[in-house]
Amino acid sequence: MATQYYEHYRQSTLGNTLTEALDELIEAGHLTPQLAMRVLTQFDKSMADALSNSVRSRVAFKGHLHTYNFCDDVWTFTVEHPVFRFDHETVTTKKIKIVACNGRKPGEA
């Protein structure tokens, strides 16, 4: 069974930059669209693996839950005026959107 990886990291600054670079390479004739899609698929996998295996930081936050949605095993939360507490720092902002996906790979209990 193939493992499912989410494409939401493509909307990050790094993902947008990669997509723009791939588009330029396709337009210049240095890359095929099929190879560009394979690169993006590998990017999805690498981001998910790196974040699940390499990031060990913890954060706590509080705020006002403005909206939430659950669709296709993906939760989306909009939190207003969140306060994030890291080990040595506190960060605030007006609004944040949190996308939470199933962390288990298909076939895992």
PDB file of N, CA and C in Angstrom:
ATOM      1  N   MET A   1       0.842  -1.177   0.000  1.00  0.00           N
ATOM      2  CA  MET A   1       0.000   0.000   0.000  1.00  0.00           C
ATOM      3  C   MET A   1       0.888   1.242   0.000  1.00  0.00           C
ATOM      4  N   ALA A   2       0.590   2.208  -0.836  1.00  0.00           N
ATOM      5  CA  ALA A   2       1.370   3.432  -0.917  1.00  0.00           C
ATOM      6  C   ALA A   2       1.063   4.323   0.286  1.00  0.00           C
ATOM      7  N   THR A   3       2.084   5.004   0.783  1.00  0.00           N
ATOM      8  CA  THR A   3       1.924   5.906   1.905  1.00  0.00           C
ATOM      9  C   THR A   3       1.409   7.244   1.407  1.00  0.00           C
ATOM     10  N   GLN A   4       0.458   7.817   2.140  1.00  0.00           N
ATOM     11  CA  GLN A   4      -0.112   9.106   1.758  1.00  0.00           C
ATOM     12  C   GLN A   4       0.653  10.222   2.457  1.00  0.00           C
ATOM     13  N   TYR A   5       1.044  11.235   1.703  1.00  0.00           N
ATOM     14  CA  TYR A   5       1.654  12.434   2.250  1.00  0.00           C
ATOM     15  C   TYR A   5       0.817  13.622   1.825  1.00  0.00           C
ATOM     16  N   TYR A   6       0.675  14.581   2.711  1.00  0.00           N
ATOM     17  CA  TYR A   6      -0.144  15.748   2.432  1.00  0.00           C
ATOM     18  C   TYR A   6       0.663  16.798   1.666  1.00  0.00           C
ATOM     19  N   GLU A   7      -0.035  17.596   0.869  1.00  0.00           N
ATOM     20  CA  GLU A   7       0.612  18.587   0.028  1.00  0.00           C
ATOM     21  C   GLU A   7       0.611  19.984   0.638  1.00  0.00           C
ATOM     22  N   HIS A   8       0.178  20.129   1.902  1.00  0.00           N
ATOM     23  CA  HIS A   8       0.044  21.476   2.444  1.00  0.00           C
ATOM     24  C   HIS A   8       1.377  22.181   2.679  1.00  0.00           C
ATOM     25  N   TYR A   9       2.502  21.464   2.735  1.00  0.00           N
ATOM     26  CA  TYR A   9       3.807  22.127   2.885  1.00  0.00           C
ATOM     27  C   TYR A   9       4.182  22.894   1.619  1.00  0.00           C
ATOM     28  N   ARG A  10       3.520  22.597   0.507  1.00  0.00           N
ATOM     29  CA  ARG A  10       3.786  23.325  -0.740  1.00  0.00           C
ATOM     30  C   ARG A  10       3.347  24.780  -0.642  1.00  0.00           C
ATOM     31  N   GLN A  11       2.460  25.103   0.309  1.00  0.00           N
ATOM     32  CA  GLN A  11       2.010  26.485   0.493  1.00  0.00           C
ATOM     33  C   GLN A  11       2.932  27.279   1.415  1.00  0.00           C
ATOM     34  N   SER A  12       3.984  26.644   1.933  1.00  0.00           N
ATOM     35  CA  SER A  12       4.960  27.356   2.761  1.00  0.00           C
ATOM     36  C   SER A  12       5.873  28.178   1.851  1.00  0.00           C
ATOM     37  N   THR A  13       6.675  29.035   2.448  1.00  0.00           N
ATOM     38  CA  THR A  13       7.620  29.840   1.671  1.00  0.00           C
ATOM     39  C   THR A  13       8.568  28.937   0.891  1.00  0.00           C
ATOM     40  N   LEU A  14       9.063  27.902   1.535  1.00  0.00           N
ATOM     41  CA  LEU A  14       9.977  26.971   0.872  1.00  0.00           C
ATOM     42  C   LEU A  14       9.283  26.234  -0.275  1.00  0.00           C
ATOM     43  N   GLY A  15       8.055  25.787  -0.047  1.00  0.00           N
ATOM     44  CA  GLY A  15       7.305  25.085  -1.089  1.00  0.00           C
ATOM     45  C   GLY A  15       6.970  25.982  -2.270  1.00  0.00           C
ATOM     46  N   ASN A  16       6.569  27.236  -1.993  1.00  0.00           N
ATOM     47  CA  ASN A  16       6.275  28.179  -3.075  1.00  0.00           C
ATOM     48  C   ASN A  16       7.523  28.479  -3.899  1.00  0.00           C
ATOM     49  N   THR A  17       8.654  28.637  -3.226  1.00  0.00           N
ATOM     50  CA  THR A  17       9.906  28.909  -3.936  1.00  0.00           C
ATOM     51  C   THR A  17      10.310  27.727  -4.801  1.00  0.00           C
ATOM     52  N   LEU A  18      10.160  26.528  -4.284  1.00  0.00           N
ATOM     53  CA  LEU A  18      10.461  25.332  -5.062  1.00  0.00           C
ATOM     54  C   LEU A  18       9.559  25.247  -6.290  1.00  0.00           C
ATOM     55  N   THR A  19       8.273  25.502  -6.108  1.00  0.00           N
ATOM     56  CA  THR A  19       7.325  25.445  -7.220  1.00  0.00           C
ATOM     57  C   THR A  19       7.680  26.472  -8.293  1.00  0.00           C
ATOM     58  N   GLU A  20       8.031  27.682  -7.884  1.00  0.00           N
ATOM     59  CA  GLU A  20       8.425  28.717  -8.845  1.00  0.00           C
ATOM     60  C   GLU A  20       9.685  28.307  -9.611  1.00  0.00           C
ATOM     61  N   ALA A  21      10.655  27.738  -8.902  1.00  0.00           N
ATOM     62  CA  ALA A  21      11.895  27.308  -9.556  1.00  0.00           C
ATOM     63  C   ALA A  21      11.620  26.180 -10.558  1.00  0.00           C
ATOM     64  N   LEU A  22      10.763  25.250 -10.175  1.00  0.00           N
ATOM     65  CA  LEU A  22      10.416  24.159 -11.086  1.00  0.00           C
ATOM     66  C   LEU A  22       9.684  24.681 -12.316  1.00  0.00           C
ATOM     67  N   ASP A  23       8.783  25.651 -12.122  1.00  0.00           N
ATOM     68  CA  ASP A  23       8.078  26.256 -13.255  1.00  0.00           C
ATOM     69  C   ASP A  23       9.053  26.918 -14.230  1.00  0.00           C
ATOM     70  N   GLU A  24      10.045  27.623 -13.697  1.00  0.00           N
ATOM     71  CA  GLU A  24      11.050  28.263 -14.551  1.00  0.00           C
ATOM     72  C   GLU A  24      11.845  27.223 -15.337  1.00  0.00           C
ATOM     73  N   LEU A  25      12.200  26.122 -14.688  1.00  0.00           N
ATOM     74  CA  LEU A  25      12.948  25.062 -15.375  1.00  0.00           C
ATOM     75  C   LEU A  25      12.105  24.403 -16.464  1.00  0.00           C
ATOM     76  N   ILE A  26      10.822  24.243 -16.213  1.00  0.00           N
ATOM     77  CA  ILE A  26       9.928  23.670 -17.229  1.00  0.00           C
ATOM     78  C   ILE A  26       9.824  24.619 -18.424  1.00  0.00           C
ATOM     79  N   GLU A  27       9.621  25.919 -18.141  1.00  0.00           N
ATOM     80  CA  GLU A  27       9.505  26.908 -19.219  1.00  0.00           C
ATOM     81  C   GLU A  27      10.784  26.996 -20.048  1.00  0.00           C
ATOM     82  N   ALA A  28      11.939  26.808 -19.415  1.00  0.00           N
ATOM     83  CA  ALA A  28      13.214  26.869 -20.126  1.00  0.00           C
ATOM     84  C   ALA A  28      13.522  25.567 -20.862  1.00  0.00           C
ATOM     85  N   GLY A  29      12.706  24.551 -20.651  1.00  0.00           N
ATOM     86  CA  GLY A  29      12.910  23.277 -21.329  1.00  0.00           C
ATOM     87  C   GLY A  29      13.946  22.376 -20.691  1.00  0.00           C
ATOM     88  N   HIS A  30      14.340  22.681 -19.443  1.00  0.00           N
ATOM     89  CA  HIS A  30      15.343  21.879 -18.744  1.00  0.00           C
ATOM     90  C   HIS A  30      14.736  20.745 -17.923  1.00  0.00           C
ATOM     91  N   LEU A  31      13.419  20.750 -17.799  1.00  0.00           N
ATOM     92  CA  LEU A  31      12.740  19.785 -16.939  1.00  0.00           C
ATOM     93  C   LEU A  31      11.374  19.470 -17.530  1.00  0.00           C
ATOM     94  N   THR A  32      10.952  18.217 -17.409  1.00  0.00           N
ATOM     95  CA  THR A  32       9.614  17.842 -17.874  1.00  0.00           C
ATOM     96  C   THR A  32       8.618  18.053 -16.728  1.00  0.00           C
ATOM     97  N   PRO A  33       7.354  18.296 -17.048  1.00  0.00           N
ATOM     98  CA  PRO A  33       6.344  18.438 -15.992  1.00  0.00           C
ATOM     99  C   PRO A  33       6.227  17.185 -15.109  1.00  0.00           C
ATOM    100  N   GLN A  34       6.427  16.000 -15.707  1.00  0.00           N
ATOM    101  CA  GLN A  34       6.346  14.760 -14.926  1.00  0.00           C
ATOM    102  C   GLN A  34       7.465  14.702 -13.882  1.00  0.00           C
ATOM    103  N   LEU A  35       8.670  15.126 -14.258  1.00  0.00           N
ATOM    104  CA  LEU A  35       9.780  15.125 -13.311  1.00  0.00           C
ATOM    105  C   LEU A  35       9.553  16.167 -12.222  1.00  0.00           C
ATOM    106  N   ALA A  36       8.986  17.303 -12.581  1.00  0.00           N
ATOM    107  CA  ALA A  36       8.675  18.333 -11.588  1.00  0.00           C
ATOM    108  C   ALA A  36       7.679  17.807 -10.566  1.00  0.00           C
ATOM    109  N   MET A  37       6.684  17.044 -10.999  1.00  0.00           N
ATOM    110  CA  MET A  37       5.714  16.458 -10.070  1.00  0.00           C
ATOM    111  C   MET A  37       6.377  15.445  -9.145  1.00  0.00           C
ATOM    112  N   ARG A  38       7.334  14.695  -9.676  1.00  0.00           N
ATOM    113  CA  ARG A  38       8.072  13.739  -8.831  1.00  0.00           C
ATOM    114  C   ARG A  38       8.878  14.483  -7.774  1.00  0.00           C
ATOM    115  N   VAL A  39       9.458  15.632  -8.156  1.00  0.00           N
ATOM    116  CA  VAL A  39      10.206  16.443  -7.200  1.00  0.00           C
ATOM    117  C   VAL A  39       9.273  16.957  -6.104  1.00  0.00           C
ATOM    118  N   LEU A  40       8.099  17.441  -6.474  1.00  0.00           N
ATOM    119  CA  LEU A  40       7.143  17.936  -5.484  1.00  0.00           C
ATOM    120  C   LEU A  40       6.648  16.820  -4.566  1.00  0.00           C
ATOM    121  N   THR A  41       6.439  15.642  -5.112  1.00  0.00           N
ATOM    122  CA  THR A  41       6.030  14.500  -4.291  1.00  0.00           C
ATOM    123  C   THR A  41       7.125  14.142  -3.288  1.00  0.00           C
ATOM    124  N   GLN A  42       8.372  14.169  -3.728  1.00  0.00           N
ATOM    125  CA  GLN A  42       9.485  13.905  -2.818  1.00  0.00           C
ATOM    126  C   GLN A  42       9.588  14.998  -1.760  1.00  0.00           C
ATOM    127  N   PHE A  43       9.316  16.250  -2.150  1.00  0.00           N
ATOM    128  CA  PHE A  43       9.312  17.362  -1.196  1.00  0.00           C
ATOM    129  C   PHE A  43       8.267  17.112  -0.102  1.00  0.00           C
ATOM    130  N   ASP A  44       7.057  16.695  -0.482  1.00  0.00           N
ATOM    131  CA  ASP A  44       6.008  16.391   0.497  1.00  0.00           C
ATOM    132  C   ASP A  44       6.482  15.341   1.491  1.00  0.00           C
ATOM    133  N   LYS A  45       7.076  14.272   0.978  1.00  0.00           N
ATOM    134  CA  LYS A  45       7.559  13.179   1.822  1.00  0.00           C
ATOM    135  C   LYS A  45       8.690  13.649   2.726  1.00  0.00           C
ATOM    136  N   SER A  46       9.639  14.376   2.173  1.00  0.00           N
ATOM    137  CA  SER A  46      10.800  14.829   2.945  1.00  0.00           C
ATOM    138  C   SER A  46      10.401  15.799   4.056  1.00  0.00           C
ATOM    139  N   MET A  47       9.468  16.709   3.763  1.00  0.00           N
ATOM    140  CA  MET A  47       9.019  17.648   4.794  1.00  0.00           C
ATOM    141  C   MET A  47       8.321  16.907   5.936  1.00  0.00           C
ATOM    142  N   ALA A  48       7.441  15.986   5.597  1.00  0.00           N
ATOM    143  CA  ALA A  48       6.726  15.230   6.636  1.00  0.00           C
ATOM    144  C   ALA A  48       7.691  14.407   7.479  1.00  0.00           C
ATOM    145  N   ASP A  49       8.637  13.734   6.824  1.00  0.00           N
ATOM    146  CA  ASP A  49       9.608  12.920   7.551  1.00  0.00           C
ATOM    147  C   ASP A  49      10.521  13.776   8.417  1.00  0.00           C
ATOM    148  N   ALA A  50      11.001  14.897   7.895  1.00  0.00           N
ATOM    149  CA  ALA A  50      11.904  15.770   8.649  1.00  0.00           C
ATOM    150  C   ALA A  50      11.205  16.348   9.874  1.00  0.00           C
ATOM    151  N   LEU A  51       9.977  16.798   9.709  1.00  0.00           N
ATOM    152  CA  LEU A  51       9.267  17.379  10.842  1.00  0.00           C
ATOM    153  C   LEU A  51       8.909  16.333  11.894  1.00  0.00           C
ATOM    154  N   SER A  52       8.589  15.126  11.467  1.00  0.00           N
ATOM    155  CA  SER A  52       8.218  14.105  12.452  1.00  0.00           C
ATOM    156  C   SER A  52       9.434  13.488  13.140  1.00  0.00           C
ATOM    157  N   ASN A  53      10.585  13.474  12.475  1.00  0.00           N
ATOM    158  CA  ASN A  53      11.765  12.815  13.042  1.00  0.00           C
ATOM    159  C   ASN A  53      12.806  13.763  13.622  1.00  0.00           C
ATOM    160  N   SER A  54      12.837  15.018  13.192  1.00  0.00           N
ATOM    161  CA  SER A  54      13.927  15.912  13.572  1.00  0.00           C
ATOM    162  C   SER A  54      13.536  17.019  14.538  1.00  0.00           C
ATOM    163  N   VAL A  55      12.284  17.414  14.574  1.00  0.00           N
ATOM    164  CA  VAL A  55      11.871  18.523  15.423  1.00  0.00           C
ATOM    165  C   VAL A  55      11.455  17.979  16.785  1.00  0.00           C
ATOM    166  N   ARG A  56      12.115  18.475  17.824  1.00  0.00           N
ATOM    167  CA  ARG A  56      11.832  18.004  19.179  1.00  0.00           C
ATOM    168  C   ARG A  56      11.333  19.124  20.089  1.00  0.00           C
ATOM    169  N   SER A  57      11.113  20.303  19.563  1.00  0.00           N
ATOM    170  CA  SER A  57      10.654  21.430  20.368  1.00  0.00           C
ATOM    171  C   SER A  57       9.200  21.236  20.775  1.00  0.00           C
ATOM    172  N   ARG A  58       8.863  21.811  21.906  1.00  0.00           N
ATOM    173  CA  ARG A  58       7.486  21.779  22.385  1.00  0.00           C
ATOM    174  C   ARG A  58       7.008  23.213  22.534  1.00  0.00           C
ATOM    175  N   VAL A  59       5.728  23.410  22.315  1.00  0.00           N
ATOM    176  CA  VAL A  59       5.121  24.731  22.458  1.00  0.00           C
ATOM    177  C   VAL A  59       3.737  24.568  23.064  1.00  0.00           C
ATOM    178  N   ALA A  60       3.354  25.533  23.873  1.00  0.00           N
ATOM    179  CA  ALA A  60       1.992  25.592  24.410  1.00  0.00           C
ATOM    180  C   ALA A  60       1.385  26.909  23.947  1.00  0.00           C
ATOM    181  N   PHE A  61       0.086  26.898  23.666  1.00  0.00           N
ATOM    182  CA  PHE A  61      -0.536  28.146  23.251  1.00  0.00           C
ATOM    183  C   PHE A  61      -1.966  28.234  23.762  1.00  0.00           C
ATOM    184  N   LYS A  62      -2.425  29.466  23.883  1.00  0.00           N
ATOM    185  CA  LYS A  62      -3.803  29.760  24.257  1.00  0.00           C
ATOM    186  C   LYS A  62      -4.311  30.832  23.313  1.00  0.00           C
ATOM    187  N   GLY A  63      -5.604  30.827  23.091  1.00  0.00           N
ATOM    188  CA  GLY A  63      -6.219  31.842  22.249  1.00  0.00           C
ATOM    189  C   GLY A  63      -7.708  31.581  22.130  1.00  0.00           C
ATOM    190  N   HIS A  64      -8.371  32.387  21.304  1.00  0.00           N
ATOM    191  CA  HIS A  64      -9.807  32.247  21.077  1.00  0.00           C
ATOM    192  C   HIS A  64     -10.029  31.459  19.789  1.00  0.00           C
ATOM    193  N   LEU A  65     -10.687  30.298  19.899  1.00  0.00           N
ATOM    194  CA  LEU A  65     -10.998  29.481  18.730  1.00  0.00           C
ATOM    195  C   LEU A  65     -12.116  30.166  17.947  1.00  0.00           C
ATOM    196  N   HIS A  66     -11.767  30.679  16.776  1.00  0.00           N
ATOM    197  CA  HIS A  66     -12.734  31.403  15.951  1.00  0.00           C
ATOM    198  C   HIS A  66     -13.555  30.447  15.098  1.00  0.00           C
ATOM    199  N   THR A  67     -12.886  29.570  14.339  1.00  0.00           N
ATOM    200  CA  THR A  67     -13.589  28.577  13.523  1.00  0.00           C
ATOM    201  C   THR A  67     -12.809  27.272  13.520  1.00  0.00           C
ATOM    202  N   TYR A  68     -13.520  26.191  13.227  1.00  0.00           N
ATOM    203  CA  TYR A  68     -12.874  24.895  13.048  1.00  0.00           C
ATOM    204  C   TYR A  68     -13.636  24.119  11.988  1.00  0.00           C
ATOM    205  N   ASN A  69     -12.934  23.172  11.342  1.00  0.00           N
ATOM    206  CA  ASN A  69     -13.541  22.384  10.281  1.00  0.00           C
ATOM    207  C   ASN A  69     -12.839  21.022  10.234  1.00  0.00           C
ATOM    208  N   PHE A  70     -13.584  19.985   9.911  1.00  0.00           N
ATOM    209  CA  PHE A  70     -13.021  18.647   9.743  1.00  0.00           C
ATOM    210  C   PHE A  70     -13.512  18.098   8.416  1.00  0.00           C
ATOM    211  N   CYS A  71     -12.582  17.834   7.500  1.00  0.00           N
ATOM    212  CA  CYS A  71     -12.936  17.327   6.185  1.00  0.00           C
ATOM    213  C   CYS A  71     -11.820  16.428   5.676  1.00  0.00           C
ATOM    214  N   ASP A  72     -12.161  15.239   5.209  1.00  0.00           N
ATOM    215  CA  ASP A  72     -11.192  14.291   4.647  1.00  0.00           C
ATOM    216  C   ASP A  72     -10.031  14.010   5.598  1.00  0.00           C
ATOM    217  N   ASP A  73     -10.337  13.762   6.863  1.00  0.00           N
ATOM    218  CA  ASP A  73      -9.340  13.463   7.897  1.00  0.00           C
ATOM    219  C   ASP A  73      -8.365  14.601   8.155  1.00  0.00           C
ATOM    220  N   VAL A  74      -8.750  15.828   7.865  1.00  0.00           N
ATOM    221  CA  VAL A  74      -7.906  16.994   8.113  1.00  0.00           C
ATOM    222  C   VAL A  74      -8.703  18.005   8.941  1.00  0.00           C
ATOM    223  N   TRP A  75      -8.150  18.379  10.102  1.00  0.00           N
ATOM    224  CA  TRP A  75      -8.739  19.421  10.937  1.00  0.00           C
ATOM    225  C   TRP A  75      -8.107  20.750  10.560  1.00  0.00           C
ATOM    226  N   THR A  76      -8.933  21.803  10.488  1.00  0.00           N
ATOM    227  CA  THR A  76      -8.446  23.159  10.270  1.00  0.00           C
ATOM    228  C   THR A  76      -9.034  24.041  11.369  1.00  0.00           C
ATOM    229  N   PHE A  77      -8.152  24.741  12.096  1.00  0.00           N
ATOM    230  CA  PHE A  77      -8.552  25.621  13.185  1.00  0.00           C
ATOM    231  C   PHE A  77      -8.077  27.044  12.880  1.00  0.00           C
ATOM    232  N   THR A  78      -8.917  28.030  13.143  1.00  0.00           N
ATOM    233  CA  THR A  78      -8.506  29.426  13.093  1.00  0.00           C
ATOM    234  C   THR A  78      -8.579  29.956  14.521  1.00  0.00           C
ATOM    235  N   VAL A  79      -7.437  30.402  15.024  1.00  0.00           N
ATOM    236  CA  VAL A  79      -7.337  30.872  16.403  1.00  0.00           C
ATOM    237  C   VAL A  79      -6.993  32.354  16.377  1.00  0.00           C
ATOM    238  N   GLU A  80      -7.775  33.158  17.085  1.00  0.00           N
ATOM    239  CA  GLU A  80      -7.522  34.585  17.169  1.00  0.00           C
ATOM    240  C   GLU A  80      -6.754  34.915  18.440  1.00  0.00           C
ATOM    241  N   HIS A  81      -5.858  35.861  18.340  1.00  0.00           N
ATOM    242  CA  HIS A  81      -5.043  36.358  19.448  1.00  0.00           C
ATOM    243  C   HIS A  81      -4.342  35.238  20.226  1.00  0.00           C
ATOM    244  N   PRO A  82      -3.658  34.338  19.509  1.00  0.00           N
ATOM    245  CA  PRO A  82      -2.958  33.270  20.227  1.00  0.00           C
ATOM    246  C   PRO A  82      -1.697  33.795  20.920  1.00  0.00           C
ATOM    247  N   VAL A  83      -1.372  33.166  22.020  1.00  0.00           N
ATOM    248  CA  VAL A  83      -0.124  33.428  22.747  1.00  0.00           C
ATOM    249  C   VAL A  83       0.623  32.104  22.783  1.00  0.00           C
ATOM    250  N   PHE A  84       1.808  32.069  22.159  1.00  0.00           N
ATOM    251  CA  PHE A  84       2.627  30.859  22.104  1.00  0.00           C
ATOM    252  C   PHE A  84       3.723  30.956  23.149  1.00  0.00           C
ATOM    253  N   ARG A  85       3.899  29.896  23.930  1.00  0.00           N
ATOM    254  CA  ARG A  85       4.958  29.852  24.937  1.00  0.00           C
ATOM    255  C   ARG A  85       5.939  28.750  24.574  1.00  0.00           C
ATOM    256  N   PHE A  86       7.156  29.179  24.235  1.00  0.00           N
ATOM    257  CA  PHE A  86       8.251  28.265  23.966  1.00  0.00           C
ATOM    258  C   PHE A  86       9.087  28.163  25.235  1.00  0.00           C
ATOM    259  N   ASP A  87      10.188  27.415  25.188  1.00  0.00           N
ATOM    260  CA  ASP A  87      11.030  27.252  26.375  1.00  0.00           C
ATOM    261  C   ASP A  87      11.496  28.589  26.954  1.00  0.00           C
ATOM    262  N   HIS A  88      11.981  29.496  26.108  1.00  0.00           N
ATOM    263  CA  HIS A  88      12.551  30.751  26.592  1.00  0.00           C
ATOM    264  C   HIS A  88      11.938  31.969  25.931  1.00  0.00           C
ATOM    265  N   GLU A  89      10.761  31.839  25.341  1.00  0.00           N
ATOM    266  CA  GLU A  89      10.202  32.938  24.561  1.00  0.00           C
ATOM    267  C   GLU A  89       8.685  32.847  24.528  1.00  0.00           C
ATOM    268  N   THR A  90       8.043  34.005  24.445  1.00  0.00           N
ATOM    269  CA  THR A  90       6.600  34.089  24.261  1.00  0.00           C
ATOM    270  C   THR A  90       6.342  34.913  23.010  1.00  0.00           C
ATOM    271  N   VAL A  91       5.443  34.412  22.133  1.00  0.00           N
ATOM    272  CA  VAL A  91       5.134  35.080  20.871  1.00  0.00           C
ATOM    273  C   VAL A  91       3.624  35.242  20.772  1.00  0.00           C
ATOM    274  N   THR A  92       3.191  36.424  20.317  1.00  0.00           N
ATOM    275  CA  THR A  92       1.767  36.662  20.102  1.00  0.00           C
ATOM    276  C   THR A  92       1.545  37.127  18.661  1.00  0.00           C
ATOM    277  N   THR A  93       0.323  36.950  18.183  1.00  0.00           N
ATOM    278  CA  THR A  93      -0.062  37.411  16.851  1.00  0.00           C
ATOM    279  C   THR A  93      -1.565  37.645  16.837  1.00  0.00           C
ATOM    280  N   LYS A  94      -2.071  38.210  15.755  1.00  0.00           N
ATOM    281  CA  LYS A  94      -3.519  38.476  15.661  1.00  0.00           C
ATOM    282  C   LYS A  94      -4.318  37.211  15.379  1.00  0.00           C
ATOM    283  N   LYS A  95      -3.812  36.382  14.455  1.00  0.00           N
ATOM    284  CA  LYS A  95      -4.580  35.206  14.037  1.00  0.00           C
ATOM    285  C   LYS A  95      -3.623  34.159  13.482  1.00  0.00           C
ATOM    286  N   ILE A  96      -3.991  32.896  13.655  1.00  0.00           N
ATOM    287  CA  ILE A  96      -3.209  31.801  13.072  1.00  0.00           C
ATOM    288  C   ILE A  96      -4.165  30.720  12.586  1.00  0.00           C
ATOM    289  N   LYS A  97      -3.763  30.067  11.506  1.00  0.00           N
ATOM    290  CA  LYS A  97      -4.518  28.940  10.962  1.00  0.00           C
ATOM    291  C   LYS A  97      -3.688  27.683  11.217  1.00  0.00           C
ATOM    292  N   ILE A  98      -4.294  26.704  11.847  1.00  0.00           N
ATOM    293  CA  ILE A  98      -3.620  25.451  12.161  1.00  0.00           C
ATOM    294  C   ILE A  98      -4.269  24.340  11.348  1.00  0.00           C
ATOM    295  N   VAL A  99      -3.466  23.598  10.606  1.00  0.00           N
ATOM    296  CA  VAL A  99      -3.941  22.449   9.829  1.00  0.00           C
ATOM    297  C   VAL A  99      -3.356  21.211  10.476  1.00  0.00           C
ATOM    298  N   ALA A 100      -4.197  20.303  10.912  1.00  0.00           N
ATOM    299  CA  ALA A 100      -3.765  19.090  11.600  1.00  0.00           C
ATOM    300  C   ALA A 100      -4.234  17.866  10.813  1.00  0.00           C
ATOM    301  N   CYS A 101      -3.272  17.031  10.442  1.00  0.00           N
ATOM    302  CA  CYS A 101      -3.564  15.832   9.659  1.00  0.00           C
ATOM    303  C   CYS A 101      -3.259  14.586  10.480  1.00  0.00           C
ATOM    304  N   ASN A 102      -3.799  13.478  10.042  1.00  0.00           N
ATOM    305  CA  ASN A 102      -3.535  12.198  10.676  1.00  0.00           C
ATOM    306  C   ASN A 102      -2.043  11.906  10.633  1.00  0.00           C
ATOM    307  N   GLY A 103      -1.438  11.688  11.784  1.00  0.00           N
ATOM    308  CA  GLY A 103      -0.013  11.436  11.842  1.00  0.00           C
ATOM    309  C   GLY A 103       0.360   9.980  11.583  1.00  0.00           C
ATOM    310  N   ARG A 104      -0.611   9.092  11.611  1.00  0.00           N
ATOM    311  CA  ARG A 104      -0.335   7.679  11.368  1.00  0.00           C
ATOM    312  C   ARG A 104      -0.314   7.397   9.890  1.00  0.00           C
ATOM    313  N   LYS A 105       0.600   6.541   9.531  1.00  0.00           N
ATOM    314  CA  LYS A 105       0.659   6.101   8.137  1.00  0.00           C
ATOM    315  C   LYS A 105      -0.407   5.035   7.911  1.00  0.00           C
ATOM    316  N   PRO A 106      -0.945   4.921   6.697  1.00  0.00           N
ATOM    317  CA  PRO A 106      -1.960   3.908   6.445  1.00  0.00           C
ATOM    318  C   PRO A 106      -1.481   2.507   6.833  1.00  0.00           C
ATOM    319  N   GLY A 107      -2.334   1.769   7.512  1.00  0.00           N
ATOM    320  CA  GLY A 107      -1.993   0.422   7.931  1.00  0.00           C
ATOM    321  C   GLY A 107      -1.482   0.330   9.356  1.00  0.00           C
ATOM    322  N   GLU A 108      -1.140   1.496   9.965  1.00  0.00           N
ATOM    323  CA  GLU A 108      -0.693   1.486  11.355  1.00  0.00           C
ATOM    324  C   GLU A 108      -1.899   1.504  12.281  1.00  0.00           C
ATOM    325  N   ALA A 109      -1.761   0.868  13.417  1.00  0.00           N
ATOM    326  CA  ALA A 109      -2.857   0.836  14.392  1.00  0.00           C
ATOM    327  C   ALA A 109      -2.862   2.064  15.260  1.00  0.00           C
TER     328      ALA A 109
END
